[in-house]
Amino acid sequence: MVIRNHATNQMTLQLEPGLSKKFRSLRRVTAQVVYQHGLDRCAIAADESPGNFSKSLGDREKGDTTARRFDLDALEAVMEETGDYTPIYYLIDKYLKDEQASRDQAIAQLGALLPDLHKLLKQAGVG
């Protein structure tokens, strides 16, 4: 979800937490989007044959000379065609983490755990 404040020209993004941990690479995120919305549909939007497009989405191993490169124009075409911007959200999660938001989330989780922790410490005879 994207919320735009037109007065300040700022956006607020609500991201799926852990996308950068869920997927190993941008290529894998993009592959999921493509297969979820239809390989043929996305291949046509990217002006590729489905076979070649599928090969470009496959994992590339070091030294693999048969693997095709995935084109950034194709990534844009996929997002335009599907309206699914998960690849962008993956990149944001991976490279633009908000440290303050991470601290705030950790503090909130600690606050939720404190009552149980206090109970457990009493049961253990520590508190």
N, C-alpha and C. Protein backbone atom coordinates (compact mmCIF):
# COMPACT_ATOMS: atom_id res chain seq x y z
N MET A 1 0.84 -1.17 0.00
CA MET A 1 0.00 0.00 0.00
C MET A 1 0.89 1.24 0.00
N VAL A 2 0.54 2.19 -0.82
CA VAL A 2 1.29 3.44 -0.90
C VAL A 2 0.34 4.57 -0.54
N ILE A 3 0.75 5.40 0.39
CA ILE A 3 -0.02 6.57 0.78
C ILE A 3 0.81 7.78 0.42
N ARG A 4 0.26 8.67 -0.39
CA ARG A 4 1.01 9.85 -0.82
C ARG A 4 0.43 11.08 -0.15
N ASN A 5 1.31 11.87 0.44
CA ASN A 5 0.93 13.15 1.01
C ASN A 5 1.29 14.20 -0.04
N HIS A 6 0.29 14.71 -0.74
CA HIS A 6 0.56 15.63 -1.85
C HIS A 6 1.11 16.97 -1.36
N ALA A 7 0.79 17.36 -0.14
CA ALA A 7 1.28 18.64 0.38
C ALA A 7 2.80 18.63 0.54
N THR A 8 3.35 17.50 0.97
CA THR A 8 4.80 17.42 1.17
C THR A 8 5.49 16.58 0.12
N ASN A 9 4.71 15.99 -0.79
CA ASN A 9 5.25 15.12 -1.82
C ASN A 9 6.04 13.95 -1.24
N GLN A 10 5.55 13.39 -0.14
CA GLN A 10 6.17 12.23 0.49
C GLN A 10 5.24 11.04 0.40
N MET A 11 5.84 9.85 0.39
CA MET A 11 5.06 8.62 0.37
C MET A 11 5.30 7.85 1.65
N THR A 12 4.29 7.14 2.07
CA THR A 12 4.42 6.20 3.16
C THR A 12 4.15 4.82 2.58
N LEU A 13 5.08 3.89 2.77
CA LEU A 13 4.91 2.54 2.26
C LEU A 13 4.69 1.60 3.43
N GLN A 14 3.72 0.73 3.30
CA GLN A 14 3.53 -0.32 4.28
C GLN A 14 3.98 -1.61 3.60
N LEU A 15 5.15 -2.07 4.01
CA LEU A 15 5.78 -3.20 3.35
C LEU A 15 5.50 -4.51 4.07
N GLU A 16 5.53 -5.58 3.31
CA GLU A 16 5.46 -6.91 3.91
C GLU A 16 6.79 -7.14 4.62
N PRO A 17 6.75 -7.33 5.93
CA PRO A 17 8.02 -7.51 6.65
C PRO A 17 8.75 -8.77 6.21
N GLY A 18 10.06 -8.67 6.11
CA GLY A 18 10.89 -9.83 5.84
C GLY A 18 10.99 -10.26 4.39
N LEU A 19 10.59 -9.41 3.46
CA LEU A 19 10.69 -9.80 2.04
C LEU A 19 12.13 -10.16 1.67
N SER A 20 13.09 -9.41 2.20
CA SER A 20 14.49 -9.67 1.84
C SER A 20 15.00 -10.97 2.47
N LYS A 21 14.30 -11.45 3.47
CA LYS A 21 14.67 -12.75 4.06
C LYS A 21 13.91 -13.89 3.37
N LYS A 22 12.71 -13.58 2.89
CA LYS A 22 11.86 -14.58 2.25
C LYS A 22 12.42 -15.00 0.88
N PHE A 23 13.03 -14.05 0.18
CA PHE A 23 13.56 -14.32 -1.15
C PHE A 23 15.07 -14.15 -1.18
N ARG A 24 15.73 -14.97 -1.95
CA ARG A 24 17.19 -14.94 -2.04
C ARG A 24 17.70 -13.84 -2.98
N SER A 25 16.84 -13.42 -3.92
CA SER A 25 17.30 -12.44 -4.91
C SER A 25 16.11 -11.73 -5.54
N LEU A 26 16.42 -10.62 -6.19
CA LEU A 26 15.41 -9.88 -6.94
C LEU A 26 14.85 -10.75 -8.06
N ARG A 27 15.71 -11.57 -8.64
CA ARG A 27 15.28 -12.47 -9.71
C ARG A 27 14.20 -13.44 -9.21
N ARG A 28 14.38 -13.95 -8.00
CA ARG A 28 13.39 -14.89 -7.45
C ARG A 28 12.06 -14.21 -7.14
N VAL A 29 12.13 -12.99 -6.61
CA VAL A 29 10.90 -12.23 -6.35
C VAL A 29 10.16 -12.01 -7.66
N THR A 30 10.90 -11.59 -8.66
CA THR A 30 10.29 -11.30 -9.96
C THR A 30 9.70 -12.58 -10.56
N ALA A 31 10.39 -13.68 -10.43
CA ALA A 31 9.87 -14.96 -10.94
C ALA A 31 8.54 -15.30 -10.28
N GLN A 32 8.45 -15.07 -8.97
CA GLN A 32 7.19 -15.37 -8.29
C GLN A 32 6.07 -14.50 -8.83
N VAL A 33 6.36 -13.22 -9.04
CA VAL A 33 5.34 -12.31 -9.58
C VAL A 33 4.90 -12.78 -10.97
N VAL A 34 5.86 -13.13 -11.80
CA VAL A 34 5.56 -13.58 -13.16
C VAL A 34 4.70 -14.84 -13.14
N TYR A 35 5.10 -15.85 -12.38
CA TYR A 35 4.35 -17.11 -12.39
C TYR A 35 3.01 -16.98 -11.69
N GLN A 36 2.92 -16.06 -10.75
CA GLN A 36 1.65 -15.82 -10.06
C GLN A 36 0.63 -15.16 -11.00
N HIS A 37 1.11 -14.28 -11.87
CA HIS A 37 0.22 -13.53 -12.76
C HIS A 37 0.16 -14.10 -14.17
N GLY A 38 0.99 -15.09 -14.45
CA GLY A 38 0.94 -15.73 -15.76
C GLY A 38 2.17 -15.46 -16.60
N LEU A 39 2.92 -16.52 -16.88
CA LEU A 39 4.15 -16.41 -17.66
C LEU A 39 3.88 -15.84 -19.05
N ASP A 40 2.88 -16.36 -19.75
CA ASP A 40 2.61 -15.90 -21.11
C ASP A 40 2.28 -14.41 -21.13
N ARG A 41 1.43 -14.00 -20.23
CA ARG A 41 1.00 -12.59 -20.14
C ARG A 41 2.21 -11.67 -19.92
N CYS A 42 3.07 -12.05 -18.99
CA CYS A 42 4.25 -11.23 -18.66
C CYS A 42 5.28 -11.26 -19.78
N ALA A 43 5.45 -12.42 -20.40
CA ALA A 43 6.40 -12.53 -21.51
C ALA A 43 5.98 -11.64 -22.68
N ILE A 44 4.70 -11.65 -22.98
CA ILE A 44 4.20 -10.79 -24.06
C ILE A 44 4.44 -9.33 -23.72
N ALA A 45 4.16 -8.93 -22.48
CA ALA A 45 4.37 -7.54 -22.06
C ALA A 45 5.84 -7.14 -22.18
N ALA A 46 6.74 -8.11 -21.95
CA ALA A 46 8.18 -7.84 -22.02
C ALA A 46 8.73 -8.06 -23.43
N ASP A 47 7.85 -8.38 -24.37
CA ASP A 47 8.24 -8.62 -25.75
C ASP A 47 9.26 -9.76 -25.87
N GLU A 48 8.97 -10.85 -25.18
CA GLU A 48 9.82 -12.05 -25.17
C GLU A 48 8.96 -13.27 -25.44
N SER A 49 9.58 -14.33 -25.89
CA SER A 49 8.87 -15.60 -25.98
C SER A 49 8.80 -16.17 -24.57
N PRO A 50 7.74 -16.90 -24.25
CA PRO A 50 7.63 -17.47 -22.91
C PRO A 50 8.82 -18.35 -22.53
N GLY A 51 9.34 -19.11 -23.48
CA GLY A 51 10.49 -19.98 -23.19
C GLY A 51 11.73 -19.18 -22.81
N ASN A 52 12.05 -18.18 -23.61
CA ASN A 52 13.21 -17.34 -23.31
C ASN A 52 13.01 -16.56 -22.01
N PHE A 53 11.78 -16.09 -21.81
CA PHE A 53 11.49 -15.32 -20.61
C PHE A 53 11.66 -16.19 -19.37
N SER A 54 11.17 -17.41 -19.45
CA SER A 54 11.30 -18.35 -18.34
C SER A 54 12.77 -18.63 -18.04
N LYS A 55 13.57 -18.80 -19.08
CA LYS A 55 15.01 -19.05 -18.88
C LYS A 55 15.69 -17.86 -18.22
N SER A 56 15.26 -16.66 -18.56
CA SER A 56 15.90 -15.48 -17.97
C SER A 56 15.53 -15.33 -16.49
N LEU A 57 14.44 -15.95 -16.07
CA LEU A 57 14.03 -15.88 -14.67
C LEU A 57 14.65 -16.98 -13.82
N GLY A 58 15.27 -17.96 -14.46
CA GLY A 58 15.89 -19.07 -13.74
C GLY A 58 17.11 -18.62 -12.97
N ASP A 59 17.45 -19.36 -11.94
CA ASP A 59 18.65 -19.05 -11.15
C ASP A 59 19.88 -19.26 -12.00
N ARG A 60 20.77 -18.31 -11.94
CA ARG A 60 22.03 -18.41 -12.68
C ARG A 60 23.11 -18.89 -11.74
N GLU A 61 23.81 -19.89 -12.17
CA GLU A 61 24.94 -20.39 -11.38
C GLU A 61 26.22 -19.83 -11.96
N LYS A 62 27.20 -19.67 -11.12
CA LYS A 62 28.48 -19.14 -11.58
C LYS A 62 29.02 -20.02 -12.70
N GLY A 63 29.43 -19.38 -13.78
CA GLY A 63 30.00 -20.12 -14.90
C GLY A 63 28.97 -20.67 -15.87
N ASP A 64 27.69 -20.50 -15.58
CA ASP A 64 26.64 -21.01 -16.46
C ASP A 64 26.52 -20.09 -17.68
N THR A 65 26.91 -20.58 -18.82
CA THR A 65 26.89 -19.77 -20.04
C THR A 65 25.57 -19.88 -20.79
N THR A 66 24.68 -20.80 -20.37
CA THR A 66 23.40 -20.97 -21.06
C THR A 66 22.31 -20.10 -20.46
N ALA A 67 22.51 -19.62 -19.25
CA ALA A 67 21.48 -18.81 -18.59
C ALA A 67 21.36 -17.45 -19.28
N ARG A 68 20.15 -16.98 -19.40
CA ARG A 68 19.91 -15.68 -20.01
C ARG A 68 19.87 -14.61 -18.93
N ARG A 69 20.24 -13.42 -19.28
CA ARG A 69 20.17 -12.29 -18.34
C ARG A 69 18.74 -11.76 -18.32
N PHE A 70 18.34 -11.30 -17.15
CA PHE A 70 17.02 -10.70 -17.03
C PHE A 70 17.16 -9.20 -17.20
N ASP A 71 16.41 -8.65 -18.09
CA ASP A 71 16.51 -7.25 -18.50
C ASP A 71 15.68 -6.35 -17.57
N LEU A 72 16.21 -5.19 -17.23
CA LEU A 72 15.47 -4.24 -16.39
C LEU A 72 14.22 -3.72 -17.09
N ASP A 73 14.27 -3.58 -18.40
CA ASP A 73 13.07 -3.18 -19.13
C ASP A 73 11.97 -4.23 -18.97
N ALA A 74 12.38 -5.50 -18.93
CA ALA A 74 11.41 -6.58 -18.72
C ALA A 74 10.81 -6.48 -17.32
N LEU A 75 11.62 -6.13 -16.33
CA LEU A 75 11.10 -5.96 -14.97
C LEU A 75 10.03 -4.87 -14.94
N GLU A 76 10.32 -3.75 -15.59
CA GLU A 76 9.33 -2.67 -15.66
C GLU A 76 8.06 -3.13 -16.37
N ALA A 77 8.24 -3.87 -17.46
CA ALA A 77 7.07 -4.36 -18.21
C ALA A 77 6.22 -5.28 -17.35
N VAL A 78 6.87 -6.13 -16.57
CA VAL A 78 6.13 -7.05 -15.68
C VAL A 78 5.33 -6.26 -14.66
N MET A 79 5.96 -5.27 -14.04
CA MET A 79 5.25 -4.49 -13.02
C MET A 79 4.11 -3.68 -13.63
N GLU A 80 4.33 -3.12 -14.83
CA GLU A 80 3.27 -2.37 -15.50
C GLU A 80 2.10 -3.28 -15.86
N GLU A 81 2.41 -4.47 -16.34
CA GLU A 81 1.38 -5.41 -16.76
C GLU A 81 0.57 -5.95 -15.58
N THR A 82 1.27 -6.28 -14.50
CA THR A 82 0.60 -6.95 -13.38
C THR A 82 0.12 -5.99 -12.30
N GLY A 83 0.74 -4.82 -12.20
CA GLY A 83 0.42 -3.91 -11.10
C GLY A 83 0.97 -4.41 -9.78
N ASP A 84 1.84 -5.39 -9.84
CA ASP A 84 2.45 -5.99 -8.63
C ASP A 84 3.86 -5.42 -8.49
N TYR A 85 4.07 -4.67 -7.41
CA TYR A 85 5.34 -3.98 -7.20
C TYR A 85 6.19 -4.65 -6.13
N THR A 86 5.95 -5.92 -5.90
CA THR A 86 6.72 -6.66 -4.90
C THR A 86 8.22 -6.58 -5.15
N PRO A 87 8.70 -6.61 -6.40
CA PRO A 87 10.15 -6.47 -6.60
C PRO A 87 10.72 -5.16 -6.02
N ILE A 88 9.97 -4.07 -6.16
CA ILE A 88 10.43 -2.80 -5.59
C ILE A 88 10.42 -2.88 -4.07
N TYR A 89 9.38 -3.47 -3.51
CA TYR A 89 9.30 -3.58 -2.05
C TYR A 89 10.43 -4.44 -1.50
N TYR A 90 10.79 -5.47 -2.26
CA TYR A 90 11.93 -6.32 -1.88
C TYR A 90 13.19 -5.48 -1.80
N LEU A 91 13.44 -4.66 -2.82
CA LEU A 91 14.64 -3.83 -2.83
C LEU A 91 14.64 -2.82 -1.69
N ILE A 92 13.49 -2.25 -1.40
CA ILE A 92 13.39 -1.31 -0.28
C ILE A 92 13.70 -2.02 1.02
N ASP A 93 13.10 -3.20 1.20
CA ASP A 93 13.34 -3.96 2.44
C ASP A 93 14.81 -4.35 2.58
N LYS A 94 15.42 -4.69 1.47
CA LYS A 94 16.81 -5.14 1.51
C LYS A 94 17.81 -4.00 1.70
N TYR A 95 17.58 -2.87 1.04
CA TYR A 95 18.60 -1.83 1.01
C TYR A 95 18.25 -0.54 1.75
N LEU A 96 16.99 -0.30 2.04
CA LEU A 96 16.61 0.97 2.67
C LEU A 96 15.90 0.76 4.00
N LYS A 97 16.46 -0.07 4.84
CA LYS A 97 15.83 -0.35 6.12
C LYS A 97 15.89 0.88 7.01
N ASP A 98 14.82 1.11 7.70
CA ASP A 98 14.71 2.23 8.63
C ASP A 98 15.11 1.73 10.01
N GLU A 99 16.28 2.12 10.47
CA GLU A 99 16.80 1.64 11.75
C GLU A 99 15.88 2.03 12.91
N GLN A 100 15.33 3.24 12.88
CA GLN A 100 14.44 3.68 13.96
C GLN A 100 13.18 2.80 13.97
N ALA A 101 12.65 2.50 12.82
CA ALA A 101 11.46 1.64 12.74
C ALA A 101 11.77 0.26 13.29
N SER A 102 12.98 -0.26 13.01
CA SER A 102 13.39 -1.57 13.53
C SER A 102 13.47 -1.53 15.05
N ARG A 103 14.04 -0.45 15.59
CA ARG A 103 14.12 -0.31 17.05
C ARG A 103 12.72 -0.21 17.66
N ASP A 104 11.86 0.59 17.04
CA ASP A 104 10.49 0.74 17.54
C ASP A 104 9.75 -0.60 17.54
N GLN A 105 9.96 -1.38 16.49
CA GLN A 105 9.32 -2.69 16.41
C GLN A 105 9.84 -3.61 17.51
N ALA A 106 11.15 -3.59 17.75
CA ALA A 106 11.75 -4.43 18.80
C ALA A 106 11.22 -4.03 20.16
N ILE A 107 11.10 -2.74 20.42
CA ILE A 107 10.59 -2.26 21.71
C ILE A 107 9.14 -2.68 21.89
N ALA A 108 8.35 -2.58 20.83
CA ALA A 108 6.95 -3.01 20.91
C ALA A 108 6.86 -4.50 21.21
N GLN A 109 7.72 -5.31 20.58
CA GLN A 109 7.71 -6.75 20.84
C GLN A 109 8.14 -7.04 22.27
N LEU A 110 9.13 -6.31 22.77
CA LEU A 110 9.56 -6.48 24.16
C LEU A 110 8.44 -6.14 25.12
N GLY A 111 7.73 -5.06 24.82
CA GLY A 111 6.61 -4.66 25.67
C GLY A 111 5.55 -5.75 25.76
N ALA A 112 5.32 -6.42 24.66
CA ALA A 112 4.33 -7.50 24.64
C ALA A 112 4.82 -8.72 25.40
N LEU A 113 6.14 -8.92 25.44
CA LEU A 113 6.72 -10.09 26.10
C LEU A 113 6.93 -9.89 27.60
N LEU A 114 7.01 -8.65 28.05
CA LEU A 114 7.34 -8.37 29.45
C LEU A 114 6.43 -9.06 30.47
N PRO A 115 5.11 -9.04 30.30
CA PRO A 115 4.27 -9.73 31.29
C PRO A 115 4.60 -11.21 31.41
N ASP A 116 4.82 -11.87 30.27
CA ASP A 116 5.16 -13.29 30.30
C ASP A 116 6.54 -13.50 30.91
N LEU A 117 7.47 -12.63 30.59
CA LEU A 117 8.82 -12.74 31.13
C LEU A 117 8.79 -12.59 32.65
N HIS A 118 8.03 -11.64 33.13
CA HIS A 118 7.92 -11.43 34.58
C HIS A 118 7.35 -12.68 35.26
N LYS A 119 6.31 -13.27 34.65
CA LYS A 119 5.71 -14.49 35.19
C LYS A 119 6.71 -15.64 35.22
N LEU A 120 7.45 -15.81 34.13
CA LEU A 120 8.43 -16.87 34.04
C LEU A 120 9.57 -16.69 35.04
N LEU A 121 10.00 -15.47 35.24
CA LEU A 121 11.06 -15.20 36.23
C LEU A 121 10.57 -15.56 37.63
N LYS A 122 9.32 -15.26 37.95
CA LYS A 122 8.76 -15.62 39.26
C LYS A 122 8.71 -17.14 39.42
N GLN A 123 8.26 -17.83 38.37
CA GLN A 123 8.18 -19.28 38.43
C GLN A 123 9.57 -19.91 38.60
N ALA A 124 10.58 -19.28 38.01
CA ALA A 124 11.93 -19.79 38.12
C ALA A 124 12.58 -19.39 39.43
N GLY A 125 11.89 -18.57 40.22
CA GLY A 125 12.44 -18.15 41.49
C GLY A 125 13.48 -17.06 41.37
N VAL A 126 13.53 -16.40 40.23
CA VAL A 126 14.53 -15.36 40.01
C VAL A 126 13.97 -13.98 40.36
N GLY A 127 12.70 -13.75 40.14
CA GLY A 127 12.17 -12.39 40.30
C GLY A 127 11.30 -12.22 41.43
